[in-house]
Protein backbone atom coordinates (compact mmCIF):
# COMPACT_ATOMS: atom_id res chain seq x y z
CA MET A 1 -26.13 25.75 10.02
CA ARG A 2 -27.03 22.41 8.40
CA PRO A 3 -24.77 20.90 5.76
CA ALA A 4 -26.57 17.98 4.17
CA ILE A 5 -24.34 14.98 3.49
CA ARG A 6 -24.44 12.82 0.38
CA ARG A 7 -22.33 9.80 -0.33
CA SER A 8 -21.22 7.83 -3.34
CA ALA A 9 -19.03 4.78 -3.55
CA SER A 10 -17.34 2.74 -6.20
CA ARG A 11 -18.11 -0.91 -5.49
CA ARG A 12 -16.78 -4.10 -6.93
CA SER A 13 -19.15 -6.96 -7.47
CA PHE A 14 -18.07 -10.59 -7.26
CA ARG A 15 -19.90 -12.94 -9.57
CA ARG A 16 -18.99 -16.42 -10.68
CA SER A 17 -20.37 -18.81 -13.21
CA GLY A 18 -19.29 -21.97 -15.01
CA HIS A 19 -15.59 -22.72 -14.86
CA ALA A 20 -14.81 -19.53 -12.96
CA ARG A 21 -17.09 -20.59 -10.09
CA ARG A 22 -15.36 -23.97 -9.85
CA TRP A 23 -11.97 -22.25 -9.79
CA ALA A 24 -12.97 -19.86 -7.02
CA ALA A 25 -14.56 -22.62 -4.97
CA ALA A 26 -11.38 -24.65 -5.19
CA LEU A 27 -8.77 -21.96 -4.71
CA GLY A 28 -10.15 -18.53 -4.06
CA VAL A 29 -8.13 -17.78 -7.23
CA GLY A 30 -7.63 -19.15 -10.70
CA ALA A 31 -4.35 -20.79 -11.63
CA LEU A 32 -4.49 -20.60 -15.43
CA VAL A 33 -7.13 -20.63 -18.13
CA VAL A 34 -5.83 -20.80 -21.67
CA THR A 35 -7.14 -18.49 -24.37
CA GLY A 36 -7.66 -19.69 -27.90
CA GLY A 37 -5.58 -18.64 -30.85
CA GLY A 38 -3.87 -19.96 -33.95
CA LEU A 39 -0.21 -20.45 -34.68
CA LEU A 40 1.69 -17.34 -35.75
CA ALA A 41 5.14 -18.43 -36.78
CA GLY A 42 8.00 -16.11 -35.91
CA PRO A 43 10.25 -14.86 -38.70
CA ALA A 44 13.38 -16.84 -39.46
CA GLN A 45 16.61 -15.39 -38.10
CA ALA A 46 19.87 -15.10 -39.97
CA ALA A 47 21.97 -12.89 -37.70
CA ALA A 48 23.74 -14.59 -34.84
CA THR A 49 22.90 -11.81 -32.39
CA ALA A 50 19.23 -11.42 -33.33
CA SER A 51 16.44 -12.41 -30.96
CA VAL A 52 12.73 -12.24 -31.68
CA ALA A 53 9.51 -13.15 -29.95
CA VAL A 54 7.88 -16.21 -31.51
CA ASP A 55 4.37 -17.61 -31.22
CA PHE A 56 3.65 -21.31 -30.87
CA PRO A 57 0.63 -23.48 -30.03
CA THR A 58 0.53 -24.61 -26.42
CA HIS A 59 -1.39 -27.38 -24.63
CA CYS A 60 -2.02 -26.55 -20.97
CA ILE A 61 -3.51 -28.81 -18.29
CA PRO A 62 -5.11 -26.93 -15.38
CA PRO A 63 -5.13 -28.69 -11.98
CA ALA A 64 -7.77 -31.41 -11.80
CA ILE A 65 -9.42 -29.77 -8.81
CA ALA A 66 -10.37 -26.80 -11.00
CA GLY A 67 -12.73 -28.89 -13.09
CA ILE A 68 -11.47 -27.32 -16.32
CA PRO A 69 -10.45 -29.58 -19.23
CA PRO A 70 -7.18 -29.12 -21.11
CA ILE A 71 -7.30 -26.11 -23.41
CA ASP A 72 -5.14 -25.25 -26.40
CA GLY A 73 -3.88 -21.69 -26.85
CA THR A 74 -0.93 -19.65 -28.09
CA THR A 75 2.17 -18.60 -26.19
CA SER A 76 4.38 -15.71 -27.28
CA ALA A 77 7.93 -16.00 -25.95
CA GLU A 78 11.47 -14.80 -26.53
CA ILE A 79 14.91 -16.32 -25.83
CA THR A 80 17.89 -14.06 -25.12
CA VAL A 81 21.50 -14.85 -24.18
CA ASP A 82 24.32 -12.96 -22.50
CA ASN A 83 26.82 -13.97 -25.20
CA ALA A 84 25.80 -14.54 -28.81
CA ALA A 85 29.35 -15.39 -29.94
CA PRO A 86 30.77 -17.77 -27.32
CA LYS A 87 33.80 -19.99 -27.61
CA VAL A 88 33.68 -23.73 -27.00
CA GLY A 89 33.96 -24.33 -23.29
CA GLU A 90 32.33 -21.05 -22.28
CA THR A 91 29.10 -20.88 -20.30
CA VAL A 92 26.10 -19.06 -21.79
CA THR A 93 23.28 -17.66 -19.63
CA VAL A 94 19.88 -18.10 -21.25
CA THR A 95 16.75 -16.10 -20.42
CA TYR A 96 13.35 -17.49 -21.48
CA THR A 97 10.72 -14.75 -21.32
CA VAL A 98 7.05 -15.56 -21.77
CA VAL A 99 5.94 -12.27 -23.29
CA THR A 100 2.27 -13.20 -23.51
CA ALA A 101 1.17 -16.26 -21.60
CA ALA A 102 -1.51 -18.51 -23.02
CA ALA A 103 -3.49 -17.75 -19.88
CA SER A 104 -5.57 -15.23 -17.98
CA ASN A 105 -7.20 -14.89 -14.59
CA PRO A 106 -10.51 -16.78 -14.98
CA VAL A 107 -12.41 -15.28 -12.04
CA GLU A 108 -13.64 -11.88 -10.94
CA LEU A 109 -11.14 -11.84 -8.11
CA ALA A 110 -7.80 -10.04 -8.03
CA LEU A 111 -4.78 -12.31 -7.53
CA PRO A 112 -2.08 -11.03 -5.15
CA ALA A 113 1.52 -10.41 -6.03
CA ASP A 114 4.33 -12.94 -5.73
CA ILE A 115 2.40 -16.24 -5.83
CA MET A 116 3.73 -17.56 -9.16
CA THR A 117 6.94 -19.59 -9.65
CA PRO A 118 7.76 -20.51 -13.29
CA THR A 119 10.08 -23.24 -14.54
CA GLY A 120 10.73 -24.50 -18.05
CA THR A 121 13.17 -25.66 -20.70
CA VAL A 122 14.89 -24.18 -23.74
CA THR A 123 15.55 -26.52 -26.67
CA LEU A 124 19.00 -26.45 -28.31
CA GLY A 125 19.53 -27.36 -31.94
CA GLY A 126 22.07 -27.10 -34.74
CA ALA A 127 25.68 -27.66 -33.67
CA GLN A 128 24.60 -28.63 -30.15
CA SER A 129 21.50 -30.55 -29.13
CA GLY A 130 19.76 -31.00 -25.81
CA SER A 131 17.80 -28.74 -23.48
CA VAL A 132 18.50 -26.09 -20.87
CA THR A 133 16.58 -26.06 -17.59
CA VAL A 134 15.41 -22.55 -16.67
CA ALA A 135 13.69 -21.25 -13.56
CA GLY A 136 12.31 -17.91 -12.41
CA PRO A 137 11.84 -16.26 -9.03
CA LYS A 138 8.58 -16.36 -7.09
CA LYS A 139 7.55 -12.91 -8.20
CA ASN A 140 4.67 -11.45 -10.18
CA ASP A 141 2.59 -8.30 -10.29
CA PRO A 142 -0.98 -8.47 -8.96
CA VAL A 143 -3.44 -9.76 -11.57
CA PRO A 144 -6.77 -7.90 -11.84
CA PRO A 145 -10.08 -9.78 -12.06
CA LYS A 146 -10.37 -11.43 -15.49
CA GLY A 147 -7.04 -9.79 -16.33
CA ALA A 148 -4.21 -11.14 -18.48
CA PHE A 149 -1.41 -13.00 -16.74
CA PRO A 150 1.78 -10.89 -16.55
CA SER A 151 4.94 -11.62 -18.48
CA PHE A 152 7.58 -13.63 -16.61
CA SER A 153 11.20 -14.66 -17.18
CA MET A 154 13.25 -17.76 -16.36
CA THR A 155 17.02 -18.19 -16.54
CA GLY A 156 19.48 -21.05 -16.83
CA THR A 157 22.94 -21.83 -18.22
CA PHE A 158 24.61 -24.27 -20.60
CA THR A 159 28.18 -24.92 -21.65
CA VAL A 160 29.10 -24.74 -25.33
CA THR A 161 30.54 -28.08 -26.43
CA ALA A 162 30.81 -27.71 -30.22
CA PRO A 163 31.55 -24.94 -32.73
CA GLY A 164 28.95 -23.73 -35.22
CA GLU A 165 25.45 -22.27 -35.20
CA ILE A 166 23.37 -23.20 -32.15
CA THR A 167 19.63 -22.48 -32.23
CA LEU A 168 17.48 -21.85 -29.16
CA SER A 169 13.72 -22.41 -29.11
CA PRO A 170 11.16 -22.01 -26.30
CA GLY A 171 10.22 -25.32 -24.71
CA ASP A 172 7.64 -26.55 -22.22
CA TYR A 173 6.96 -24.48 -19.12
CA ASN A 174 5.11 -24.86 -15.84
CA ILE A 175 3.55 -22.27 -13.53
CA HIS A 176 3.41 -23.23 -9.88
CA THR A 177 0.98 -21.13 -7.81
CA SER A 178 1.16 -20.84 -4.03
CA TYR A 179 -2.10 -19.24 -2.92
CA ILE A 180 -4.42 -21.15 -0.60
CA MET A 181 -3.28 -24.37 -2.32
CA GLU A 182 -0.09 -25.50 -4.05
CA LEU A 183 -0.96 -26.16 -7.71
CA ASP A 184 0.84 -26.71 -11.00
CA THR A 185 -0.29 -25.91 -14.52
CA PRO A 186 2.08 -27.50 -17.07
CA CYS A 187 2.05 -26.12 -20.61
CA THR A 188 3.71 -28.12 -23.41
CA VAL A 189 4.64 -27.19 -26.96
CA THR A 190 1.96 -28.80 -29.13
CA ASP A 191 4.21 -29.46 -32.13
CA PRO A 192 7.84 -29.36 -30.90
CA PRO A 193 10.20 -27.81 -31.43
CA ALA A 194 8.79 -24.28 -31.26
CA PRO A 195 10.13 -21.72 -33.75
CA VAL A 196 13.72 -20.56 -33.24
CA SER A 197 13.91 -17.35 -31.22
CA GLN A 198 17.71 -16.97 -30.87
CA ARG A 199 20.75 -18.13 -32.87
CA ILE A 200 24.32 -17.97 -31.63
CA ILE A 201 27.61 -18.74 -33.39
CA ALA A 202 30.14 -20.73 -31.35
CA THR A 203 33.80 -20.79 -32.30
CA GLN A 204 36.62 -23.14 -31.39
CA ASP A 205 39.24 -21.96 -28.91
CA GLY A 206 42.11 -24.39 -28.53
CA GLY A 207 42.86 -23.16 -25.01
CA GLY A 208 39.29 -23.41 -23.78
CA GLU A 209 38.21 -26.02 -21.26
CA VAL A 210 34.79 -27.57 -21.84
CA ASN A 211 32.68 -27.70 -18.69
CA LYS A 212 31.05 -31.13 -18.75
CA ARG A 213 29.78 -31.04 -15.16
CA THR A 214 26.18 -32.20 -14.78
CA ILE A 215 23.67 -32.78 -12.00
CA SER A 216 20.36 -34.61 -11.82
CA LEU A 217 17.68 -34.61 -9.12
CA GLY A 218 15.83 -37.51 -7.60
CA THR A 219 12.61 -35.44 -7.56
CA ALA A 220 11.47 -32.08 -8.94
CA SER A 221 9.55 -30.94 -5.84
CA GLY A 222 9.23 -31.46 -2.10
CA LYS A 223 7.93 -30.00 1.15
CA PRO A 224 10.03 -27.41 3.04
CA GLY A 225 12.78 -29.22 4.91
CA ASP A 226 12.69 -32.36 2.76
CA ARG A 227 16.01 -33.74 1.56
CA VAL A 228 16.47 -34.09 -2.19
CA THR A 229 18.92 -36.52 -3.80
CA VAL A 230 21.36 -34.67 -6.08
CA THR A 231 23.69 -36.73 -8.26
CA GLY A 232 26.68 -35.13 -9.99
CA ALA A 233 29.16 -36.26 -12.63
CA GLU A 234 32.28 -34.94 -14.41
CA PHE A 235 33.38 -32.80 -11.45
CA THR A 236 37.07 -32.54 -10.49
CA PRO A 237 38.00 -35.71 -8.57
CA GLY A 238 38.41 -34.98 -4.85
CA ALA A 239 37.32 -31.34 -5.21
CA ALA A 240 35.10 -29.70 -2.57
CA VAL A 241 31.64 -29.41 -4.16
CA THR A 242 28.74 -27.36 -2.80
CA VAL A 243 25.16 -28.26 -3.65
CA ALA A 244 22.74 -25.42 -2.93
CA GLY A 245 19.24 -24.16 -3.60
CA TRP A 246 18.83 -21.56 -6.35
CA ASN A 247 16.49 -18.54 -6.06
CA GLY A 248 16.58 -17.48 -9.70
CA SER A 249 19.62 -15.23 -9.40
CA GLY A 250 21.97 -16.94 -6.95
CA PRO A 251 22.46 -19.78 -4.43
CA THR A 252 20.42 -19.81 -1.20
CA ALA A 253 21.59 -20.64 2.31
CA ASP A 254 20.28 -24.21 1.91
CA ARG A 255 23.53 -25.99 1.01
CA ILE A 256 25.82 -28.89 1.73
CA THR A 257 29.55 -29.21 0.92
CA ALA A 258 31.60 -32.40 0.57
CA GLU A 259 34.26 -33.92 -1.67
CA ALA A 260 33.60 -35.45 -5.07
CA ALA A 261 34.66 -39.08 -5.47
CA GLY A 262 37.79 -40.16 -7.30
CA ASP A 263 35.84 -40.49 -10.54
CA GLY A 264 34.29 -36.98 -10.24
CA THR A 265 30.86 -38.19 -9.13
CA PHE A 266 28.89 -37.48 -5.96
CA THR A 267 25.49 -38.03 -4.38
CA PHE A 268 24.46 -35.40 -1.82
CA ARG A 269 21.12 -34.97 -0.03
CA PRO A 270 20.66 -31.32 1.03
CA ALA A 271 17.58 -30.17 2.94
CA ILE A 272 15.76 -27.42 1.02
CA SER A 273 13.62 -24.94 2.98
CA ASP A 274 13.99 -21.45 1.45
CA PRO A 275 10.57 -20.45 -0.01
CA ALA A 276 12.31 -18.55 -2.83
CA THR A 277 13.85 -21.76 -4.21
CA VAL A 278 13.24 -22.44 -7.90
CA GLY A 279 16.11 -24.83 -8.59
CA ILE A 280 19.30 -26.51 -7.37
CA VAL A 281 22.92 -25.93 -8.43
CA ALA A 282 26.30 -27.52 -7.70
CA PHE A 283 29.68 -25.83 -7.94
CA GLU A 284 33.34 -26.13 -7.03
CA GLY A 285 34.98 -23.35 -5.02
CA ALA A 286 33.75 -20.89 -2.43
CA SER A 287 31.05 -19.26 -4.57
CA TRP A 288 28.85 -19.94 -7.60
CA ASP A 289 30.79 -19.99 -10.87
CA PRO A 290 28.97 -21.39 -13.93
CA ALA A 291 32.32 -22.34 -15.44
CA LYS A 292 32.91 -24.72 -12.52
CA GLY A 293 29.34 -25.68 -11.77
CA ALA A 294 26.19 -27.29 -13.08
CA GLY A 295 22.52 -26.33 -13.00
CA PRO A 296 20.19 -24.94 -12.10
CA GLN A 297 17.91 -27.97 -12.24
CA ALA A 298 14.31 -26.98 -11.52
CA TYR A 299 13.02 -27.73 -8.01
CA THR A 300 9.81 -26.45 -6.40
CA LEU A 301 8.72 -26.35 -2.77
CA THR A 302 5.17 -27.59 -2.22
CA GLY A 303 2.74 -27.34 0.66
CA GLY A 304 2.36 -31.05 1.32
CA GLY A 305 2.65 -34.56 0.02
CA GLU A 306 0.24 -37.32 -0.86
CA ILE A 307 -2.81 -38.01 1.28
CA PRO A 308 -2.03 -40.85 3.73
CA ASP A 309 -4.17 -43.97 3.74
CA ASN A 310 -7.50 -43.63 5.56
CA SER A 311 -7.24 -39.84 5.44
CA GLN A 312 -9.33 -37.14 3.80
CA ARG A 313 -8.06 -33.84 2.41
CA LEU A 314 -10.25 -30.95 3.51
CA THR A 315 -10.40 -27.78 1.44
CA SER A 316 -12.22 -24.50 1.85
CA SER A 317 -12.26 -21.07 0.26
CA VAL A 318 -12.74 -17.47 1.30
CA ARG A 319 -14.98 -15.43 -0.96
CA ALA A 320 -13.98 -11.85 -1.68
CA GLY A 321 -16.53 -9.12 -1.00
CA THR A 322 -16.82 -5.45 -1.92
CA LEU A 323 -15.70 -1.99 -0.85
CA THR A 324 -18.61 -0.18 0.88
CA MET A 325 -19.34 2.77 3.12
CA SER A 326 -22.20 3.82 5.39
CA GLN A 327 -22.80 6.86 7.60
CA ALA A 328 -24.62 7.40 10.90
CA GLY A 329 -26.79 10.23 9.52
CA ASP A 330 -27.22 12.65 6.65
CA ALA A 331 -27.49 16.02 8.45
CA VAL A 332 -25.19 17.98 10.75
CA ALA A 333 -26.30 21.05 12.75
CA LEU A 334 -23.36 23.42 13.28
CA SER A 335 -23.39 25.83 16.21
CA ALA A 336 -24.82 29.34 15.75
CA VAL A 337 -22.69 32.51 15.74
CA ASP A 338 -23.68 36.08 16.56
CA PHE A 339 -24.17 38.77 13.93
CA GLY A 340 -21.38 41.27 14.23
CA GLN A 341 -19.16 38.71 15.96
CA GLY A 342 -18.95 35.88 13.43
CA GLY A 343 -16.30 33.22 13.99
CA ALA A 344 -16.34 29.43 14.18
CA SER A 345 -19.62 27.61 13.59
CA SER A 346 -18.61 24.11 14.68
CA GLY A 347 -19.93 20.54 14.76
CA ALA A 348 -18.99 16.93 14.04
CA LEU A 349 -19.29 14.81 10.92
CA ASN A 350 -21.62 11.84 11.27
CA THR A 351 -19.41 8.78 11.71
CA VAL A 352 -18.63 7.00 8.44
CA THR A 353 -17.91 3.25 8.42
CA VAL A 354 -15.78 1.85 5.59
CA LYS A 355 -15.72 -1.91 4.98
CA ASP A 356 -13.04 -3.16 2.60
CA PHE A 357 -13.83 -6.84 2.19
CA ARG A 358 -12.19 -7.32 -1.23
CA GLY A 359 -9.11 -9.10 0.12
CA GLY A 360 -6.88 -7.92 -2.73
CA PRO A 361 -3.88 -5.60 -3.12
CA ALA A 362 -5.75 -2.28 -3.52
CA GLY A 363 -6.22 0.34 -0.83
CA TRP A 364 -8.98 2.96 -0.76
CA SER A 365 -9.44 6.72 -0.48
CA LEU A 366 -12.38 8.61 1.05
CA THR A 367 -12.65 12.23 -0.12
CA GLY A 368 -15.13 15.03 0.41
CA LYS A 369 -16.09 18.32 -1.20
CA VAL A 370 -18.67 20.93 -0.21
CA THR A 371 -20.88 23.47 -1.98
CA ASP A 372 -21.26 27.12 -1.01
CA PHE A 373 -23.56 27.75 1.97
CA THR A 374 -26.61 29.71 0.81
CA GLY A 375 -28.79 31.80 3.11
CA PRO A 376 -31.60 34.37 3.09
CA GLY A 377 -31.93 36.71 0.15
CA GLY A 378 -29.19 34.96 -1.78
CA ALA A 379 -26.52 35.53 0.88
CA VAL A 380 -23.55 33.13 0.54
CA ILE A 381 -20.78 31.81 2.74
CA GLY A 382 -18.17 30.37 0.37
CA ALA A 383 -17.26 26.67 0.32
CA SER A 384 -13.67 27.57 1.23
CA ALA A 385 -14.91 28.66 4.67
CA LEU A 386 -15.51 25.02 5.73
CA GLY A 387 -12.59 23.20 7.31
CA TRP A 388 -12.24 19.83 9.02
CA LYS A 389 -9.97 17.86 11.33
CA PRO A 390 -10.20 14.18 10.23
CA ALA A 391 -9.75 11.11 12.45
CA CYS A 392 -9.74 7.42 11.49
CA ALA A 393 -9.76 4.22 13.58
CA THR A 394 -8.96 0.67 12.38
CA ARG A 395 -10.82 -2.38 13.65
CA SER A 396 -8.51 -4.86 15.40
CA GLY A 397 -7.27 -7.62 13.11
CA SER A 398 -7.66 -5.63 9.88
CA PRO A 399 -4.80 -6.20 7.39
CA SER A 400 -4.66 -2.48 6.55
CA THR A 401 -4.32 0.57 8.81
CA CYS A 402 -6.17 3.70 7.81
CA ALA A 403 -4.61 7.16 7.86
CA ALA A 404 -6.61 10.32 8.55
CA GLY A 405 -6.47 13.13 6.03
CA SER A 406 -4.84 16.46 6.78
CA GLU A 407 -6.53 19.14 8.86
CA GLY A 408 -7.53 22.07 6.67
CA THR A 409 -9.97 23.46 4.15
CA VAL A 410 -12.50 21.19 2.44
CA GLY A 411 -13.76 23.59 -0.22
CA SER A 412 -15.37 22.87 -3.57
CA ALA A 413 -12.17 21.25 -4.90
CA GLY A 414 -12.31 18.68 -2.12
CA ALA A 415 -9.85 17.06 0.27
CA THR A 416 -8.98 13.60 1.57
CA LEU A 417 -10.84 12.48 4.69
CA ALA A 418 -9.06 9.10 5.16
CA SER A 419 -7.26 6.39 3.16
CA THR A 420 -5.36 3.11 3.24
CA PRO A 421 -2.35 2.27 1.03
CA ASP A 422 -2.01 -0.41 -1.63
CA GLY A 423 -0.19 -3.54 -0.49
CA ALA A 424 0.31 -7.25 -1.06
CA PHE A 425 -2.80 -7.97 1.03
CA THR A 426 -5.25 -5.29 2.16
CA GLY A 427 -8.68 -4.90 3.74
CA GLY A 428 -10.50 -4.40 7.01
CA GLU A 429 -13.13 -2.29 8.73
CA PHE A 430 -12.64 1.37 9.63
CA THR A 431 -14.54 4.25 11.30
CA VAL A 432 -13.95 7.80 10.09
CA ASP A 433 -14.86 11.02 11.92
CA ALA A 434 -14.05 14.70 11.59
CA GLY A 435 -14.55 17.93 13.50
CA LEU A 436 -16.17 20.56 11.25
CA THR A 437 -15.65 24.32 11.43
CA LEU A 438 -17.38 26.96 9.26
CA ASP A 439 -15.60 30.32 9.43
CA VAL A 440 -18.49 32.82 9.35
CA PRO A 441 -17.64 36.47 8.54
CA ALA A 442 -18.61 38.96 11.33
CA PHE A 443 -21.39 40.77 9.47
CA THR A 444 -22.96 37.90 7.60
CA ALA A 445 -26.71 38.43 7.14
CA PRO A 446 -28.74 36.72 9.90
CA GLY A 447 -30.63 33.56 8.97
CA ALA A 448 -30.13 29.87 8.23
CA TYR A 449 -27.40 28.74 5.84
CA ALA A 450 -27.04 25.30 4.25
CA GLY A 451 -24.47 23.55 2.09
CA VAL A 452 -23.98 19.97 0.87
CA LEU A 453 -20.92 17.90 1.77
CA THR A 454 -20.44 14.96 -0.61
CA LEU A 455 -18.27 11.99 0.35
CA THR A 456 -16.81 9.66 -2.29
CA LEU A 457 -15.12 6.31 -1.67
CA THR A 458 -12.78 4.89 -4.33
């Protein structure tokens, strides 16, 4: 018995040109490329609880190493709050969501998950002026080649200090990427302030205490383990104050606690190491309480500092490849069976080698299906008579581990021969084999029978 074997594969090409080639050479990824677009002003809001997405022109500056000049585009963003009718003295949590970033992946290379850390500001107007520092966690979905950047959110808090209508508008934002190199792409509002996205109505409460606590940082970024100077004011004199890193939703384990001075000020220098850090907060008491704290102030961990004198920074890149398969042969001779006896006509699949050199988040699946086996005079052994017992081996050092498909019938509907799962980082080299068994009925007409087993890699 000879089942011929065909193969097909879905392959991804990797081409670069112009700016995209310079990006990939510098990073292996693209940080941000801004897409063009005009200003689409958001509708004015009258209700205190209403929140809408607004569009505003944005000026973004890609990292110099990318070789891409500043580009103007449009950002769509929305501001929401946890309390649209606060009293003076209460703390309001603000969420700045970039619904559609003025950016996309510029290269034909998938970007992995969780490499993007956003920070930004929200502009206050009306009864209370100033800005709110917001920061988001280091988390993002994978970005496909040439795909749009995903939406992201940043949060921060401010204390209401005056009654009346307070407006909130999206402000400048920055995307820090940590993939091969540590890079920043700042995006500023071209004609500030941006349109109002949220309005809240603050009321006076005679019993309320206004939280005037503030902190400022000596620097907005540093290497893991560096100490950052944090200066506070308006804290309770002599109170125990904790200064800690902020991961976007709560304090980290990087913290230092000491007493505020007699005038409510302090200067602490905590060491910040947690890679999830997006900001720094300070608070009185045993745990974070925005009513007795300040921040977060944006702070980003970087991979290194300035180049020392008489030194040279060396950079390299790893180019992504494709998903391919090859096989050791295209014909398999199964063992003969006797007329009147029938039974198992057995053999082995020619070894298939799968090379996943894409270096992205996607796994792969290798499936097979078979035709009926035709013989002399139109005799047929049905496709459902062919079964297999798959096996798969992973080359040492491969990021992924392949799993063999289940033992059972192949048939015309097909079955899985082997696969690897999706993940944050996948790839590798794999060899796939299978024992084949054709269940031949006892009184099948004598002669040669042949079917075609087709393998497909996706």
